[in-house]
Amino acid sequence: MTHTLHREGSIESLKKDFLLLITPAMKINDKGAAEKIKKLIDIVFDVGPTNYGCYEKGMNILSGIDVEVIKDTTQDNSRIRCVFSSKEKFKEVLTRVIEADLGLSVTVSGLQSSVKEILDEMEIDPHSVNLAMGTHGAEEKLPDENFRKITTMCGHAMVAPGLVEDMIVKVKKGRLTIEEAAVKLAKPCICGVFNHERAALLLKELMPLYTID
């Protein structure tokens, strides 16, 4: 789940940002996996994700898709992709997924210290660990570093820096609330790993830094 590893921002900002991916292994245990995935979808939604994506429909729950529609479109090669803002909820969903013991691969992303703390509490040793090693190269060509705190929450770059700028303008002109702008930013991320609750907090921080004509 390397597309969720490169989120930028302060440690404090990232402490409430936990990603979950559950997937069958293609040609190994994917046959008949749809029913297992549906059971895990029920667990995830019973706990309550901040955001959840549905590739089959090309949208996330912030666009209004219902969990039953997600389940109806689930196939053997479908994946669960979602984000949680609460450590407690994240720990609960992991506990229940492990208890279900359905044999699918579970990957989590977040601050290394935060994830390690949760896994230690659950007495789990991770199978493997991937780390983001930072940004290298012509960094001067990158978008505004403050904008990247928001855009990097979509690892497939579906949330453009220009959209962040547009949301700032519309909030400053009173056309949108910060919360509405955060949801609009999240909708292009069909993986459902964009955390609009964190985005709202980041937008509040950005507002005093930018002026509009």
N, C-alpha and C. Protein backbone atom coordinates (compact mmCIF):
# COMPACT_ATOMS: atom_id res chain seq x y z
N MET A 1 0.85 -1.20 0.00
CA MET A 1 0.00 0.00 0.00
C MET A 1 0.88 1.25 0.00
N THR A 2 1.87 1.26 -0.89
CA THR A 2 2.87 2.32 -0.86
C THR A 2 2.30 3.69 -1.24
N HIS A 3 1.13 3.72 -1.91
CA HIS A 3 0.58 5.02 -2.29
C HIS A 3 0.06 5.79 -1.08
N THR A 4 0.02 5.17 0.08
CA THR A 4 -0.41 5.88 1.30
C THR A 4 0.78 6.24 2.20
N LEU A 5 1.99 5.95 1.75
CA LEU A 5 3.15 6.15 2.62
C LEU A 5 3.70 7.58 2.59
N HIS A 6 3.31 8.36 1.63
CA HIS A 6 4.01 9.62 1.38
C HIS A 6 3.22 10.85 1.81
N ARG A 7 2.40 10.70 2.83
CA ARG A 7 1.63 11.82 3.34
C ARG A 7 2.57 12.78 4.06
N GLU A 8 2.42 14.06 3.79
CA GLU A 8 3.29 15.07 4.38
C GLU A 8 2.53 15.84 5.47
N GLY A 9 3.30 16.43 6.37
CA GLY A 9 2.70 17.21 7.44
C GLY A 9 3.42 16.97 8.76
N SER A 10 2.97 17.67 9.77
CA SER A 10 3.60 17.54 11.08
C SER A 10 3.22 16.21 11.73
N ILE A 11 4.04 15.79 12.67
CA ILE A 11 3.74 14.56 13.41
C ILE A 11 2.41 14.68 14.11
N GLU A 12 2.14 15.84 14.69
CA GLU A 12 0.89 16.04 15.40
C GLU A 12 -0.31 15.89 14.45
N SER A 13 -0.17 16.42 13.25
CA SER A 13 -1.25 16.35 12.27
C SER A 13 -1.50 14.92 11.80
N LEU A 14 -0.44 14.12 11.75
CA LEU A 14 -0.55 12.76 11.22
C LEU A 14 -0.91 11.72 12.28
N LYS A 15 -1.01 12.16 13.52
CA LYS A 15 -1.30 11.21 14.60
C LYS A 15 -2.71 10.64 14.53
N LYS A 16 -3.61 11.32 13.80
CA LYS A 16 -4.97 10.83 13.69
C LYS A 16 -5.28 10.51 12.23
N ASP A 17 -4.43 9.69 11.65
CA ASP A 17 -4.55 9.37 10.23
C ASP A 17 -4.06 7.94 10.03
N PHE A 18 -5.00 6.99 9.98
CA PHE A 18 -4.66 5.57 9.90
C PHE A 18 -5.33 4.94 8.68
N LEU A 19 -4.54 4.25 7.87
CA LEU A 19 -5.03 3.67 6.62
C LEU A 19 -5.10 2.15 6.72
N LEU A 20 -6.12 1.57 6.07
CA LEU A 20 -6.31 0.13 6.09
C LEU A 20 -6.58 -0.38 4.68
N LEU A 21 -5.84 -1.42 4.28
CA LEU A 21 -6.06 -2.11 3.02
C LEU A 21 -6.21 -3.60 3.32
N ILE A 22 -7.25 -4.20 2.78
CA ILE A 22 -7.44 -5.65 2.90
C ILE A 22 -7.64 -6.19 1.50
N THR A 23 -6.87 -7.22 1.13
CA THR A 23 -6.92 -7.70 -0.26
C THR A 23 -6.62 -9.19 -0.35
N PRO A 24 -7.27 -9.88 -1.28
CA PRO A 24 -6.88 -11.25 -1.56
C PRO A 24 -5.62 -11.27 -2.41
N ALA A 25 -4.90 -12.37 -2.40
CA ALA A 25 -3.72 -12.53 -3.25
C ALA A 25 -4.17 -13.16 -4.56
N MET A 26 -3.97 -12.44 -5.66
CA MET A 26 -4.44 -12.92 -6.95
C MET A 26 -3.82 -14.26 -7.33
N LYS A 27 -4.66 -15.18 -7.76
CA LYS A 27 -4.30 -16.53 -8.18
C LYS A 27 -3.80 -17.40 -7.02
N ILE A 28 -3.95 -16.90 -5.80
CA ILE A 28 -3.57 -17.69 -4.63
C ILE A 28 -4.79 -17.97 -3.76
N ASN A 29 -5.46 -16.90 -3.31
CA ASN A 29 -6.66 -17.12 -2.49
C ASN A 29 -7.80 -16.18 -2.88
N ASP A 30 -7.80 -15.75 -4.16
CA ASP A 30 -8.85 -14.83 -4.59
C ASP A 30 -10.15 -15.53 -4.97
N LYS A 31 -10.09 -16.80 -5.34
CA LYS A 31 -11.30 -17.50 -5.76
C LYS A 31 -12.28 -17.62 -4.58
N GLY A 32 -13.47 -17.06 -4.77
CA GLY A 32 -14.47 -17.09 -3.70
C GLY A 32 -14.24 -16.05 -2.62
N ALA A 33 -13.32 -15.10 -2.87
CA ALA A 33 -12.98 -14.11 -1.84
C ALA A 33 -14.07 -13.06 -1.63
N ALA A 34 -14.97 -12.91 -2.59
CA ALA A 34 -15.98 -11.84 -2.50
C ALA A 34 -16.80 -11.93 -1.22
N GLU A 35 -17.22 -13.12 -0.85
CA GLU A 35 -18.03 -13.27 0.36
C GLU A 35 -17.24 -12.92 1.62
N LYS A 36 -15.96 -13.25 1.63
CA LYS A 36 -15.11 -12.88 2.76
C LYS A 36 -14.96 -11.36 2.85
N ILE A 37 -14.77 -10.73 1.69
CA ILE A 37 -14.61 -9.29 1.66
C ILE A 37 -15.88 -8.60 2.16
N LYS A 38 -17.03 -9.12 1.78
CA LYS A 38 -18.30 -8.54 2.23
C LYS A 38 -18.42 -8.59 3.75
N LYS A 39 -17.98 -9.69 4.35
CA LYS A 39 -18.02 -9.80 5.81
C LYS A 39 -17.11 -8.76 6.46
N LEU A 40 -15.96 -8.53 5.82
CA LEU A 40 -15.03 -7.53 6.35
C LEU A 40 -15.55 -6.12 6.13
N ILE A 41 -16.25 -5.90 5.03
CA ILE A 41 -16.88 -4.59 4.79
C ILE A 41 -17.86 -4.29 5.91
N ASP A 42 -18.64 -5.28 6.31
CA ASP A 42 -19.59 -5.10 7.42
C ASP A 42 -18.86 -4.69 8.69
N ILE A 43 -17.72 -5.32 8.95
CA ILE A 43 -16.93 -4.99 10.15
C ILE A 43 -16.45 -3.55 10.07
N VAL A 44 -15.88 -3.17 8.94
CA VAL A 44 -15.35 -1.81 8.77
C VAL A 44 -16.44 -0.77 8.98
N PHE A 45 -17.59 -0.98 8.37
CA PHE A 45 -18.66 0.02 8.48
C PHE A 45 -19.34 -0.01 9.84
N ASP A 46 -19.31 -1.15 10.50
CA ASP A 46 -19.86 -1.20 11.85
C ASP A 46 -19.00 -0.36 12.80
N VAL A 47 -17.68 -0.38 12.58
CA VAL A 47 -16.78 0.45 13.39
C VAL A 47 -16.90 1.92 12.98
N GLY A 48 -16.98 2.17 11.66
CA GLY A 48 -17.18 3.54 11.18
C GLY A 48 -15.93 4.19 10.63
N PRO A 49 -15.63 4.01 9.33
CA PRO A 49 -14.46 4.66 8.74
C PRO A 49 -14.69 6.14 8.49
N THR A 50 -13.63 6.91 8.45
CA THR A 50 -13.73 8.32 8.07
C THR A 50 -14.04 8.44 6.58
N ASN A 51 -13.40 7.58 5.79
CA ASN A 51 -13.64 7.54 4.35
C ASN A 51 -13.41 6.11 3.87
N TYR A 52 -14.07 5.77 2.76
CA TYR A 52 -13.99 4.41 2.21
C TYR A 52 -14.20 4.51 0.72
N GLY A 53 -13.34 3.84 -0.06
CA GLY A 53 -13.43 3.93 -1.50
C GLY A 53 -13.97 2.68 -2.16
N CYS A 54 -14.65 2.87 -3.28
CA CYS A 54 -15.20 1.75 -4.05
C CYS A 54 -14.71 1.88 -5.49
N TYR A 55 -13.71 1.10 -5.87
CA TYR A 55 -13.17 1.14 -7.23
C TYR A 55 -14.21 0.73 -8.26
N GLU A 56 -15.05 -0.23 -7.88
CA GLU A 56 -16.04 -0.75 -8.82
C GLU A 56 -17.00 0.33 -9.30
N LYS A 57 -17.28 1.31 -8.44
CA LYS A 57 -18.17 2.41 -8.79
C LYS A 57 -17.38 3.71 -9.06
N GLY A 58 -16.09 3.70 -8.79
CA GLY A 58 -15.28 4.88 -9.04
C GLY A 58 -15.61 6.06 -8.15
N MET A 59 -15.91 5.78 -6.88
CA MET A 59 -16.27 6.85 -5.96
C MET A 59 -16.02 6.41 -4.53
N ASN A 60 -16.05 7.38 -3.60
CA ASN A 60 -15.94 7.03 -2.20
C ASN A 60 -17.23 7.41 -1.47
N ILE A 61 -17.32 7.08 -0.19
CA ILE A 61 -18.58 7.27 0.53
C ILE A 61 -18.96 8.74 0.67
N LEU A 62 -17.99 9.64 0.51
CA LEU A 62 -18.31 11.07 0.61
C LEU A 62 -19.08 11.56 -0.61
N SER A 63 -19.12 10.73 -1.66
CA SER A 63 -19.94 11.05 -2.84
C SER A 63 -21.33 10.46 -2.71
N GLY A 64 -21.59 9.78 -1.60
CA GLY A 64 -22.94 9.32 -1.32
C GLY A 64 -23.22 7.86 -1.59
N ILE A 65 -22.20 7.08 -1.94
CA ILE A 65 -22.43 5.67 -2.21
C ILE A 65 -22.77 4.92 -0.93
N ASP A 66 -23.72 4.02 -1.01
CA ASP A 66 -24.21 3.29 0.15
C ASP A 66 -23.42 1.99 0.32
N VAL A 67 -23.28 1.55 1.55
CA VAL A 67 -22.51 0.33 1.83
C VAL A 67 -23.11 -0.88 1.13
N GLU A 68 -24.43 -0.93 0.99
CA GLU A 68 -25.05 -2.07 0.32
C GLU A 68 -24.70 -2.10 -1.16
N VAL A 69 -24.57 -0.92 -1.77
CA VAL A 69 -24.13 -0.85 -3.17
C VAL A 69 -22.70 -1.34 -3.28
N ILE A 70 -21.86 -0.94 -2.33
CA ILE A 70 -20.47 -1.40 -2.31
C ILE A 70 -20.42 -2.92 -2.24
N LYS A 71 -21.21 -3.50 -1.35
CA LYS A 71 -21.23 -4.95 -1.19
C LYS A 71 -21.77 -5.65 -2.44
N ASP A 72 -22.78 -5.06 -3.06
CA ASP A 72 -23.38 -5.66 -4.27
C ASP A 72 -22.40 -5.69 -5.43
N THR A 73 -21.46 -4.74 -5.47
CA THR A 73 -20.49 -4.69 -6.57
C THR A 73 -19.18 -5.39 -6.24
N THR A 74 -19.08 -5.94 -5.04
CA THR A 74 -17.84 -6.60 -4.61
C THR A 74 -17.60 -7.88 -5.41
N GLN A 75 -16.37 -8.03 -5.88
CA GLN A 75 -15.96 -9.20 -6.66
C GLN A 75 -14.80 -9.90 -5.94
N ASP A 76 -14.39 -11.03 -6.51
CA ASP A 76 -13.29 -11.79 -5.88
C ASP A 76 -11.99 -11.00 -5.84
N ASN A 77 -11.82 -10.06 -6.79
CA ASN A 77 -10.58 -9.27 -6.83
C ASN A 77 -10.74 -7.88 -6.22
N SER A 78 -11.84 -7.65 -5.52
CA SER A 78 -12.06 -6.34 -4.88
C SER A 78 -11.14 -6.17 -3.68
N ARG A 79 -10.96 -4.91 -3.29
CA ARG A 79 -10.13 -4.61 -2.12
C ARG A 79 -10.87 -3.66 -1.19
N ILE A 80 -10.52 -3.73 0.06
CA ILE A 80 -11.02 -2.76 1.03
C ILE A 80 -9.94 -1.70 1.20
N ARG A 81 -10.31 -0.44 0.97
CA ARG A 81 -9.38 0.68 1.17
C ARG A 81 -10.12 1.74 1.97
N CYS A 82 -9.57 2.14 3.10
CA CYS A 82 -10.28 3.13 3.92
C CYS A 82 -9.32 3.82 4.88
N VAL A 83 -9.82 4.86 5.53
CA VAL A 83 -9.03 5.64 6.47
C VAL A 83 -9.84 5.89 7.74
N PHE A 84 -9.14 5.92 8.86
CA PHE A 84 -9.75 6.22 10.15
C PHE A 84 -9.02 7.40 10.79
N SER A 85 -9.76 8.25 11.48
CA SER A 85 -9.17 9.39 12.19
C SER A 85 -8.93 9.10 13.66
N SER A 86 -9.46 7.98 14.13
CA SER A 86 -9.40 7.64 15.54
C SER A 86 -8.53 6.42 15.78
N LYS A 87 -7.57 6.55 16.68
CA LYS A 87 -6.74 5.40 17.05
C LYS A 87 -7.60 4.30 17.64
N GLU A 88 -8.58 4.67 18.45
CA GLU A 88 -9.43 3.68 19.10
C GLU A 88 -10.23 2.88 18.08
N LYS A 89 -10.81 3.58 17.10
CA LYS A 89 -11.57 2.89 16.06
C LYS A 89 -10.66 2.00 15.21
N PHE A 90 -9.46 2.52 14.92
CA PHE A 90 -8.53 1.76 14.11
C PHE A 90 -8.12 0.47 14.82
N LYS A 91 -7.85 0.57 16.10
CA LYS A 91 -7.49 -0.61 16.87
C LYS A 91 -8.66 -1.59 16.93
N GLU A 92 -9.86 -1.06 17.07
CA GLU A 92 -11.05 -1.92 17.12
C GLU A 92 -11.24 -2.67 15.81
N VAL A 93 -11.10 -1.97 14.69
CA VAL A 93 -11.33 -2.64 13.41
C VAL A 93 -10.27 -3.70 13.17
N LEU A 94 -9.02 -3.44 13.55
CA LEU A 94 -7.98 -4.45 13.40
C LEU A 94 -8.27 -5.66 14.27
N THR A 95 -8.71 -5.42 15.48
CA THR A 95 -9.03 -6.52 16.39
C THR A 95 -10.12 -7.41 15.81
N ARG A 96 -11.15 -6.79 15.26
CA ARG A 96 -12.27 -7.55 14.73
C ARG A 96 -11.92 -8.26 13.42
N VAL A 97 -11.07 -7.66 12.62
CA VAL A 97 -10.61 -8.30 11.39
C VAL A 97 -9.79 -9.55 11.72
N ILE A 98 -8.93 -9.42 12.72
CA ILE A 98 -8.10 -10.56 13.14
C ILE A 98 -8.97 -11.67 13.71
N GLU A 99 -9.96 -11.29 14.51
CA GLU A 99 -10.86 -12.29 15.09
C GLU A 99 -11.65 -13.02 14.01
N ALA A 100 -12.00 -12.31 12.92
CA ALA A 100 -12.74 -12.93 11.81
C ALA A 100 -11.89 -13.99 11.11
N ASP A 101 -10.58 -13.78 11.06
CA ASP A 101 -9.62 -14.77 10.56
C ASP A 101 -10.04 -15.35 9.21
N LEU A 102 -10.21 -14.45 8.22
CA LEU A 102 -10.68 -14.88 6.91
C LEU A 102 -9.56 -15.12 5.90
N GLY A 103 -8.32 -14.95 6.33
CA GLY A 103 -7.19 -15.35 5.51
C GLY A 103 -6.77 -14.37 4.43
N LEU A 104 -7.26 -13.13 4.47
CA LEU A 104 -6.86 -12.14 3.47
C LEU A 104 -5.74 -11.26 4.02
N SER A 105 -4.99 -10.66 3.11
CA SER A 105 -3.86 -9.82 3.49
C SER A 105 -4.33 -8.49 4.07
N VAL A 106 -3.74 -8.10 5.18
CA VAL A 106 -4.09 -6.84 5.85
C VAL A 106 -2.85 -5.95 5.91
N THR A 107 -2.97 -4.75 5.36
CA THR A 107 -1.88 -3.78 5.38
C THR A 107 -2.38 -2.51 6.06
N VAL A 108 -1.55 -1.94 6.92
CA VAL A 108 -1.90 -0.70 7.59
C VAL A 108 -0.83 0.34 7.32
N SER A 109 -1.24 1.61 7.31
CA SER A 109 -0.30 2.72 7.11
C SER A 109 -0.58 3.80 8.12
N GLY A 110 0.46 4.53 8.47
CA GLY A 110 0.36 5.64 9.41
C GLY A 110 1.73 5.99 9.91
N LEU A 111 1.78 6.89 10.87
CA LEU A 111 3.07 7.19 11.49
C LEU A 111 3.65 5.90 12.07
N GLN A 112 4.92 5.67 11.84
CA GLN A 112 5.54 4.45 12.32
C GLN A 112 5.35 4.28 13.83
N SER A 113 5.54 5.37 14.57
CA SER A 113 5.42 5.30 16.03
C SER A 113 3.99 4.96 16.45
N SER A 114 3.02 5.54 15.77
CA SER A 114 1.61 5.31 16.12
C SER A 114 1.19 3.89 15.79
N VAL A 115 1.57 3.42 14.59
CA VAL A 115 1.21 2.06 14.19
C VAL A 115 1.89 1.05 15.10
N LYS A 116 3.16 1.28 15.40
CA LYS A 116 3.91 0.35 16.27
C LYS A 116 3.25 0.28 17.65
N GLU A 117 2.82 1.43 18.16
CA GLU A 117 2.17 1.45 19.47
C GLU A 117 0.92 0.58 19.48
N ILE A 118 0.12 0.69 18.42
CA ILE A 118 -1.10 -0.10 18.33
C ILE A 118 -0.77 -1.59 18.22
N LEU A 119 0.17 -1.94 17.35
CA LEU A 119 0.52 -3.34 17.16
C LEU A 119 1.13 -3.94 18.43
N ASP A 120 1.92 -3.15 19.15
CA ASP A 120 2.48 -3.63 20.42
C ASP A 120 1.36 -3.90 21.44
N GLU A 121 0.39 -3.00 21.48
CA GLU A 121 -0.74 -3.19 22.40
C GLU A 121 -1.51 -4.46 22.06
N MET A 122 -1.56 -4.80 20.77
CA MET A 122 -2.29 -5.98 20.32
C MET A 122 -1.40 -7.23 20.27
N GLU A 123 -0.12 -7.04 20.61
CA GLU A 123 0.87 -8.13 20.59
C GLU A 123 0.96 -8.77 19.21
N ILE A 124 1.10 -7.90 18.19
CA ILE A 124 1.22 -8.33 16.81
C ILE A 124 2.59 -7.94 16.28
N ASP A 125 3.27 -8.88 15.63
CA ASP A 125 4.51 -8.59 14.92
C ASP A 125 4.20 -8.46 13.44
N PRO A 126 4.50 -7.31 12.84
CA PRO A 126 4.20 -7.15 11.41
C PRO A 126 5.02 -8.11 10.55
N HIS A 127 4.41 -8.55 9.46
CA HIS A 127 5.11 -9.43 8.52
C HIS A 127 6.26 -8.69 7.85
N SER A 128 6.04 -7.43 7.48
CA SER A 128 7.07 -6.62 6.83
C SER A 128 6.71 -5.15 7.02
N VAL A 129 7.70 -4.28 6.78
CA VAL A 129 7.50 -2.84 6.97
C VAL A 129 8.06 -2.08 5.77
N ASN A 130 7.27 -1.19 5.21
CA ASN A 130 7.73 -0.26 4.17
C ASN A 130 7.81 1.13 4.76
N LEU A 131 8.86 1.86 4.41
CA LEU A 131 9.05 3.21 4.94
C LEU A 131 9.16 4.23 3.81
N ALA A 132 8.57 5.39 4.00
CA ALA A 132 8.76 6.50 3.07
C ALA A 132 10.09 7.18 3.40
N MET A 133 10.92 7.36 2.40
CA MET A 133 12.27 7.88 2.62
C MET A 133 12.39 9.37 2.29
N GLY A 134 11.26 10.04 2.16
CA GLY A 134 11.33 11.48 1.89
C GLY A 134 11.31 11.78 0.41
N THR A 135 11.44 13.06 0.08
CA THR A 135 11.40 13.52 -1.31
C THR A 135 12.79 13.93 -1.75
N HIS A 136 13.21 13.47 -2.92
CA HIS A 136 14.56 13.77 -3.43
C HIS A 136 14.47 14.31 -4.85
N GLY A 137 15.45 15.09 -5.24
CA GLY A 137 15.46 15.63 -6.60
C GLY A 137 15.17 17.11 -6.63
N ALA A 138 14.57 17.57 -7.72
CA ALA A 138 14.31 19.00 -7.93
C ALA A 138 13.07 19.43 -7.15
N GLU A 139 13.24 19.56 -5.84
CA GLU A 139 12.10 19.87 -4.98
C GLU A 139 11.50 21.23 -5.27
N GLU A 140 12.28 22.11 -5.90
CA GLU A 140 11.76 23.44 -6.21
C GLU A 140 10.64 23.37 -7.26
N LYS A 141 10.52 22.26 -7.94
CA LYS A 141 9.47 22.10 -8.94
C LYS A 141 8.18 21.54 -8.35
N LEU A 142 8.22 21.19 -7.09
CA LEU A 142 7.04 20.64 -6.43
C LEU A 142 6.02 21.74 -6.11
N PRO A 143 4.77 21.38 -5.93
CA PRO A 143 3.77 22.38 -5.52
C PRO A 143 4.09 22.93 -4.14
N ASP A 144 3.40 23.98 -3.75
CA ASP A 144 3.50 24.60 -2.43
C ASP A 144 3.51 23.53 -1.34
N GLU A 145 4.49 23.60 -0.45
CA GLU A 145 4.62 22.56 0.58
C GLU A 145 3.39 22.51 1.49
N ASN A 146 2.71 23.63 1.70
CA ASN A 146 1.50 23.62 2.52
C ASN A 146 0.37 22.90 1.79
N PHE A 147 0.30 23.07 0.47
CA PHE A 147 -0.71 22.37 -0.31
C PHE A 147 -0.45 20.86 -0.29
N ARG A 148 0.83 20.48 -0.28
CA ARG A 148 1.18 19.06 -0.33
C ARG A 148 0.71 18.31 0.92
N LYS A 149 0.54 19.00 2.02
CA LYS A 149 0.01 18.34 3.21
C LYS A 149 -1.38 17.77 2.94
N ILE A 150 -2.08 18.43 2.02
CA ILE A 150 -3.42 17.98 1.64
C ILE A 150 -3.37 17.04 0.44
N THR A 151 -2.65 17.42 -0.61
CA THR A 151 -2.67 16.62 -1.85
C THR A 151 -2.06 15.24 -1.67
N THR A 152 -1.08 15.09 -0.77
CA THR A 152 -0.44 13.79 -0.60
C THR A 152 -1.33 12.79 0.13
N MET A 153 -2.50 13.22 0.59
CA MET A 153 -3.43 12.24 1.17
C MET A 153 -4.10 11.41 0.07
N CYS A 154 -3.95 11.80 -1.18
CA CYS A 154 -4.36 10.97 -2.31
C CYS A 154 -3.09 10.54 -3.02
N GLY A 155 -2.67 9.31 -2.78
CA GLY A 155 -1.39 8.84 -3.31
C GLY A 155 -1.34 8.68 -4.81
N HIS A 156 -2.50 8.74 -5.48
CA HIS A 156 -2.51 8.66 -6.93
C HIS A 156 -2.63 10.04 -7.58
N ALA A 157 -2.44 11.08 -6.79
CA ALA A 157 -2.39 12.47 -7.28
C ALA A 157 -3.67 12.89 -8.00
N MET A 158 -4.82 12.42 -7.49
CA MET A 158 -6.10 12.83 -8.06
C MET A 158 -6.61 14.14 -7.45
N VAL A 159 -5.96 14.58 -6.37
CA VAL A 159 -6.33 15.85 -5.73
C VAL A 159 -5.25 16.87 -6.10
N ALA A 160 -5.59 17.77 -7.00
CA ALA A 160 -4.61 18.70 -7.57
C ALA A 160 -4.36 19.90 -6.66
N PRO A 161 -3.13 20.45 -6.68
CA PRO A 161 -2.84 21.67 -5.92
C PRO A 161 -3.79 22.81 -6.31
N GLY A 162 -4.16 22.88 -7.60
CA GLY A 162 -5.08 23.92 -8.04
C GLY A 162 -6.45 23.81 -7.38
N LEU A 163 -6.86 22.58 -7.07
CA LEU A 163 -8.13 22.38 -6.39
C LEU A 163 -8.04 22.89 -4.95
N VAL A 164 -6.90 22.67 -4.32
CA VAL A 164 -6.69 23.19 -2.96
C VAL A 164 -6.79 24.71 -2.98
N GLU A 165 -6.11 25.34 -3.94
CA GLU A 165 -6.15 26.80 -4.06
C GLU A 165 -7.59 27.28 -4.29
N ASP A 166 -8.32 26.58 -5.14
CA ASP A 166 -9.70 26.95 -5.43
C ASP A 166 -10.57 26.87 -4.18
N MET A 167 -10.34 25.83 -3.38
CA MET A 167 -11.12 25.68 -2.15
C MET A 167 -10.81 26.80 -1.15
N ILE A 168 -9.55 27.20 -1.08
CA ILE A 168 -9.17 28.29 -0.18
C ILE A 168 -9.88 29.58 -0.61
N VAL A 169 -9.89 29.85 -1.92
CA VAL A 169 -10.56 31.05 -2.44
C VAL A 169 -12.05 31.01 -2.10
N LYS A 170 -12.69 29.89 -2.32
CA LYS A 170 -14.14 29.79 -2.11
C LYS A 170 -14.51 29.88 -0.63
N VAL A 171 -13.65 29.35 0.22
CA VAL A 171 -13.91 29.48 1.66
C VAL A 171 -13.74 30.94 2.08
N LYS A 172 -12.69 31.59 1.59
CA LYS A 172 -12.44 32.99 1.95
C LYS A 172 -13.56 33.91 1.44
N LYS A 173 -14.17 33.55 0.31
CA LYS A 173 -15.26 34.36 -0.24
C LYS A 173 -16.62 33.97 0.34
N GLY A 174 -16.61 33.00 1.25
CA GLY A 174 -17.85 32.61 1.90
C GLY A 174 -18.75 31.71 1.08
N ARG A 175 -18.22 31.14 0.01
CA ARG A 175 -19.04 30.27 -0.85
C ARG A 175 -19.14 28.85 -0.29
N LEU A 176 -18.14 28.47 0.50
CA LEU A 176 -18.12 27.14 1.11
C LEU A 176 -17.65 27.27 2.55
N THR A 177 -18.11 26.36 3.40
CA THR A 177 -17.49 26.24 4.72
C THR A 177 -16.22 25.42 4.57
N ILE A 178 -15.38 25.46 5.56
CA ILE A 178 -14.15 24.66 5.52
C ILE A 178 -14.48 23.18 5.42
N GLU A 179 -15.50 22.74 6.15
CA GLU A 179 -15.88 21.33 6.13
C GLU A 179 -16.38 20.91 4.75
N GLU A 180 -17.16 21.78 4.10
CA GLU A 180 -17.65 21.48 2.74
C GLU A 180 -16.48 21.42 1.76
N ALA A 181 -15.53 22.32 1.91
CA ALA A 181 -14.36 22.33 1.03
C ALA A 181 -13.54 21.06 1.21
N ALA A 182 -13.40 20.60 2.44
CA ALA A 182 -12.63 19.39 2.72
C ALA A 182 -13.27 18.17 2.05
N VAL A 183 -14.59 18.10 2.07
CA VAL A 183 -15.29 16.99 1.42
C VAL A 183 -15.10 17.05 -0.09
N LYS A 184 -15.17 18.25 -0.68
CA LYS A 184 -14.96 18.40 -2.13
C LYS A 184 -13.54 17.96 -2.51
N LEU A 185 -12.58 18.26 -1.66
CA LEU A 185 -11.21 17.82 -1.92
C LEU A 185 -11.10 16.30 -1.89
N ALA A 186 -11.88 15.66 -1.05
CA ALA A 186 -11.78 14.22 -0.86
C ALA A 186 -12.42 13.42 -2.00
N LYS A 187 -13.43 13.98 -2.66
CA LYS A 187 -14.21 13.20 -3.62
C LYS A 187 -13.42 12.63 -4.80
N PRO A 188 -12.40 13.31 -5.35
CA PRO A 188 -11.67 12.72 -6.47
C PRO A 188 -10.85 11.48 -6.09
N CYS A 189 -10.60 11.27 -4.80
CA CYS A 189 -9.78 10.13 -4.35
C CYS A 189 -10.67 8.90 -4.22
N ILE A 190 -10.78 8.11 -5.31
CA ILE A 190 -11.72 6.99 -5.29
C ILE A 190 -11.22 5.83 -4.44
N CYS A 191 -9.94 5.85 -4.07
CA CYS A 191 -9.46 4.84 -3.12
C CYS A 191 -10.13 5.01 -1.75
N GLY A 192 -10.57 6.23 -1.47
CA GLY A 192 -11.19 6.48 -0.18
C GLY A 192 -10.21 6.62 0.96
N VAL A 193 -8.94 6.91 0.65
CA VAL A 193 -7.93 7.05 1.70
C VAL A 193 -7.66 8.52 2.03
N PHE A 194 -8.35 9.44 1.36
CA PHE A 194 -8.20 10.86 1.66
C PHE A 194 -9.00 11.17 2.92
N ASN A 195 -8.33 11.71 3.92
CA ASN A 195 -8.95 11.98 5.22
C ASN A 195 -9.48 13.42 5.24
N HIS A 196 -10.78 13.58 4.98
CA HIS A 196 -11.34 14.93 4.90
C HIS A 196 -11.37 15.63 6.26
N GLU A 197 -11.41 14.86 7.34
CA GLU A 197 -11.38 15.48 8.67
C GLU A 197 -10.02 16.13 8.92
N ARG A 198 -8.97 15.46 8.53
CA ARG A 198 -7.64 16.06 8.63
C ARG A 198 -7.51 17.23 7.67
N ALA A 199 -8.08 17.10 6.47
CA ALA A 199 -8.02 18.18 5.49
C ALA A 199 -8.67 19.45 6.02
N ALA A 200 -9.78 19.31 6.74
CA ALA A 200 -10.45 20.49 7.30
C ALA A 200 -9.55 21.21 8.29
N LEU A 201 -8.85 20.45 9.11
CA LEU A 201 -7.93 21.05 10.07
C LEU A 201 -6.77 21.75 9.36
N LEU A 202 -6.28 21.13 8.29
CA LEU A 202 -5.18 21.74 7.53
C LEU A 202 -5.64 23.01 6.82
N LEU A 203 -6.86 23.01 6.30
CA LEU A 203 -7.38 24.21 5.64
C LEU A 203 -7.49 25.37 6.63
N LYS A 204 -7.90 25.08 7.84
CA LYS A 204 -7.98 26.13 8.86
C LYS A 204 -6.62 26.75 9.11
N GLU A 205 -5.57 25.92 9.08
CA GLU A 205 -4.21 26.42 9.27
C GLU A 205 -3.76 27.27 8.07
N LEU A 206 -4.23 26.90 6.88
CA LEU A 206 -3.78 27.59 5.66
C LEU A 206 -4.46 28.93 5.44
N MET A 207 -5.67 29.09 5.91
CA MET A 207 -6.46 30.29 5.62
C MET A 207 -5.71 31.60 5.89
N PRO A 208 -5.06 31.76 7.06
CA PRO A 208 -4.39 33.04 7.32
C PRO A 208 -3.14 33.26 6.45
N LEU A 209 -2.66 32.21 5.79
CA LEU A 209 -1.39 32.31 5.06
C LEU A 209 -1.55 32.82 3.64
N TYR A 210 -2.79 32.85 3.13
CA TYR A 210 -2.99 33.19 1.74
C TYR A 210 -4.01 34.30 1.58
N THR A 211 -3.74 35.23 0.68
CA THR A 211 -4.66 36.33 0.39
C THR A 211 -5.26 36.10 -0.99
N ILE A 212 -6.41 36.69 -1.22
CA ILE A 212 -7.05 36.57 -2.54
C ILE A 212 -7.35 37.98 -3.06
N ASP A 213 -7.44 38.04 -4.39
CA ASP A 213 -7.71 39.35 -5.02
C ASP A 213 -9.17 39.71 -4.89
